[in-house]
Amino acid sequence: MAAPDGVDRILEQWAAERPELDTRPMGLFGRIYRISRLSGDAVEATYAQHGITRADFDVLATLRRSGEPFALSPSGLTASLMLTSGGTTGRIDRLERAGLVRRSPDPADRRALLVSLTERGRDVVDAAVAAGLETQRRLASGLSDAERRRLDDLLRTLLASVTDPPG
């Protein structure tokens, strides 16, 4: 069993003040939140070493994962990133100025545009994804492979419950 943490101290305080409350969900989601915040900060710092932000990485990685020719329409990017069109446009503008993406006419529809990775953009995202994964590997190194697989299964189940709550 792991040593008590800051979340345990919060739960103890609630138990003293409101002993009738079952605070176990608060402990679960409190830990998930803290893990997300701390790991997100660490990965963000890793991406910064490659000259990009987390928001930049999201766009570059979406294009990279799309496969050859690593191009999507702005609306395709917007849908994949779950942003507003204005938010997507701002990110594309910034990445285009940095020489990481380019806009070009869609050969299938001259009225439409495609956003694609430049060679430099592909190099940056490939390096950043490898470095980000190494950071995540390091952060998860306290878990055995079996524990990681079990935690993945549990979190997948919890995510399904949060996405489509029973009742």
Protein backbone atom coordinates (compact mmCIF):
# COMPACT_ATOMS: atom_id res chain seq x y z
CA MET A 1 0.00 0.00 0.00
CA ALA A 2 1.29 3.45 -0.92
CA ALA A 3 2.08 6.03 1.73
CA PRO A 4 -0.66 8.55 2.55
CA ASP A 5 -0.71 11.60 0.26
CA GLY A 6 -2.17 15.10 0.23
CA VAL A 7 -5.54 13.76 -0.93
CA ASP A 8 -5.66 11.49 2.13
CA ARG A 9 -5.15 14.53 4.37
CA ILE A 10 -8.06 16.32 2.67
CA LEU A 11 -10.27 13.24 3.13
CA GLU A 12 -9.31 13.02 6.82
CA GLN A 13 -10.32 16.65 7.29
CA TRP A 14 -13.70 16.00 5.66
CA ALA A 15 -14.15 12.86 7.77
CA ALA A 16 -13.60 14.94 10.91
CA GLU A 17 -15.99 17.69 9.80
CA ARG A 18 -18.61 15.63 7.94
CA PRO A 19 -18.27 11.99 9.07
CA GLU A 20 -21.59 11.06 7.45
CA LEU A 21 -20.22 11.72 3.93
CA ASP A 22 -18.59 9.00 1.82
CA THR A 23 -15.64 10.93 0.39
CA ARG A 24 -14.13 8.04 -1.60
CA PRO A 25 -15.20 9.56 -4.96
CA MET A 26 -13.46 12.80 -3.94
CA GLY A 27 -10.27 10.83 -3.31
CA LEU A 28 -10.47 9.07 -6.67
CA PHE A 29 -11.14 12.17 -8.74
CA GLY A 30 -8.77 14.31 -6.65
CA ARG A 31 -5.92 11.96 -7.47
CA ILE A 32 -6.89 11.79 -11.15
CA TYR A 33 -6.94 15.59 -11.28
CA ARG A 34 -3.56 15.93 -9.58
CA ILE A 35 -1.97 13.28 -11.79
CA SER A 36 -3.38 14.99 -14.88
CA ARG A 37 -2.15 18.43 -13.82
CA LEU A 38 1.34 17.30 -12.80
CA SER A 39 1.89 15.01 -15.78
CA GLY A 40 0.45 17.61 -18.15
CA ASP A 41 2.90 20.21 -16.82
CA ALA A 42 5.81 17.78 -17.29
CA VAL A 43 4.82 16.93 -20.86
CA GLU A 44 4.25 20.63 -21.64
CA ALA A 45 7.81 21.34 -20.45
CA THR A 46 9.08 18.56 -22.70
CA TYR A 47 7.27 20.02 -25.72
CA ALA A 48 8.69 23.46 -24.89
CA GLN A 49 12.17 22.01 -25.39
CA HIS A 50 11.08 21.45 -29.00
CA GLY A 51 9.77 25.01 -29.37
CA ILE A 52 6.07 24.14 -29.24
CA THR A 53 3.19 24.34 -26.80
CA ARG A 54 0.70 21.60 -25.93
CA ALA A 55 -1.82 23.33 -28.22
CA ASP A 56 0.73 23.34 -31.06
CA PHE A 57 1.48 19.67 -30.42
CA ASP A 58 -2.22 18.79 -30.64
CA VAL A 59 -2.47 20.26 -34.16
CA LEU A 60 0.83 18.83 -35.37
CA ALA A 61 0.08 15.39 -33.91
CA THR A 62 -3.41 15.35 -35.45
CA LEU A 63 -1.90 16.03 -38.87
CA ARG A 64 0.88 13.47 -38.32
CA ARG A 65 -1.57 10.74 -37.22
CA SER A 66 -3.72 11.39 -40.29
CA GLY A 67 -1.12 9.62 -42.44
CA GLU A 68 0.26 10.60 -45.83
CA PRO A 69 0.01 13.31 -47.06
CA PHE A 70 -0.35 14.61 -43.44
CA ALA A 71 -3.03 17.09 -44.47
CA LEU A 72 -6.56 17.88 -43.32
CA SER A 73 -9.11 20.56 -44.03
CA PRO A 74 -9.41 23.26 -41.37
CA SER A 75 -12.88 21.90 -40.52
CA GLY A 76 -11.43 18.38 -40.21
CA LEU A 77 -8.83 19.72 -37.79
CA THR A 78 -11.49 21.62 -35.85
CA ALA A 79 -13.61 18.48 -35.46
CA SER A 80 -10.64 16.35 -34.42
CA LEU A 81 -9.37 18.93 -31.91
CA MET A 82 -12.87 19.70 -30.58
CA LEU A 83 -12.23 23.44 -30.86
CA THR A 84 -14.10 26.36 -32.31
CA SER A 85 -13.16 27.32 -35.85
CA GLY A 86 -11.63 30.53 -34.46
CA GLY A 87 -9.49 28.57 -32.02
CA THR A 88 -8.27 26.30 -34.79
CA THR A 89 -7.53 29.26 -37.09
CA GLY A 90 -5.41 30.90 -34.41
CA ARG A 91 -3.37 27.75 -33.92
CA ILE A 92 -2.91 27.24 -37.66
CA ASP A 93 -1.84 30.88 -38.09
CA ARG A 94 0.80 30.54 -35.35
CA LEU A 95 2.12 27.23 -36.73
CA GLU A 96 2.19 28.59 -40.29
CA ARG A 97 4.25 31.61 -39.14
CA ALA A 98 6.64 29.15 -37.43
CA GLY A 99 7.02 27.20 -40.68
CA LEU A 100 5.52 24.01 -39.22
CA VAL A 101 2.36 23.84 -41.36
CA ARG A 102 1.24 25.28 -44.66
CA ARG A 103 -2.13 26.10 -46.15
CA SER A 104 -2.71 25.16 -49.77
CA PRO A 105 -5.67 24.76 -52.11
CA ASP A 106 -7.40 21.39 -51.90
CA PRO A 107 -6.77 19.66 -55.25
CA ALA A 108 -10.18 17.98 -54.98
CA ASP A 109 -12.03 21.29 -54.37
CA ARG A 110 -10.40 24.57 -55.44
CA ARG A 111 -12.70 26.50 -53.07
CA ALA A 112 -11.34 24.61 -50.07
CA LEU A 113 -8.01 24.62 -48.25
CA LEU A 114 -5.84 21.93 -46.77
CA VAL A 115 -3.49 22.34 -43.82
CA SER A 116 -0.44 20.12 -44.06
CA LEU A 117 2.75 19.49 -42.16
CA THR A 118 5.91 20.95 -43.56
CA GLU A 119 9.03 18.81 -43.46
CA ARG A 120 10.16 20.86 -40.46
CA GLY A 121 6.75 20.38 -38.81
CA ARG A 122 7.01 16.63 -39.25
CA ASP A 123 10.52 16.60 -37.76
CA VAL A 124 9.37 18.67 -34.78
CA VAL A 125 6.28 16.57 -34.03
CA ASP A 126 8.19 13.30 -34.46
CA ALA A 127 10.84 14.46 -31.97
CA ALA A 128 8.26 15.91 -29.58
CA VAL A 129 6.07 12.79 -29.51
CA ALA A 130 9.08 10.59 -28.76
CA ALA A 131 10.26 12.94 -26.00
CA GLY A 132 6.74 13.27 -24.56
CA LEU A 133 6.37 9.49 -24.44
CA GLU A 134 9.71 9.21 -22.64
CA THR A 135 8.52 11.76 -20.08
CA GLN A 136 5.30 9.80 -19.59
CA ARG A 137 7.27 6.54 -19.31
CA ARG A 138 9.44 8.10 -16.61
CA LEU A 139 6.40 9.40 -14.72
CA ALA A 140 4.74 5.96 -14.80
CA SER A 141 7.90 4.08 -13.84
CA GLY A 142 6.60 3.47 -10.32
CA LEU A 143 4.10 0.98 -11.74
CA SER A 144 4.89 -2.50 -12.98
CA ASP A 145 3.71 -3.53 -16.45
CA ALA A 146 0.90 -5.56 -14.86
CA GLU A 147 -0.15 -2.60 -12.71
CA ARG A 148 -0.18 -0.31 -15.75
CA ARG A 149 -2.36 -2.73 -17.70
CA ARG A 150 -4.74 -3.06 -14.73
CA LEU A 151 -4.87 0.70 -14.26
CA ASP A 152 -5.55 1.17 -17.99
CA ASP A 153 -8.48 -1.26 -17.71
CA LEU A 154 -9.86 0.47 -14.63
CA LEU A 155 -9.53 3.94 -16.12
CA ARG A 156 -11.15 2.77 -19.38
CA THR A 157 -14.10 1.50 -17.32
CA LEU A 158 -14.28 4.73 -15.33
CA LEU A 159 -14.10 6.82 -18.50
CA ALA A 160 -17.01 4.87 -19.97
CA SER A 161 -18.95 5.47 -16.75
CA VAL A 162 -18.21 9.20 -16.82
CA THR A 163 -18.97 9.45 -20.56
CA ASP A 164 -22.26 7.58 -20.30
CA PRO A 165 -23.24 7.52 -16.62
CA PRO A 166 -25.54 4.69 -15.57
CA GLY A 167 -29.10 5.70 -14.74
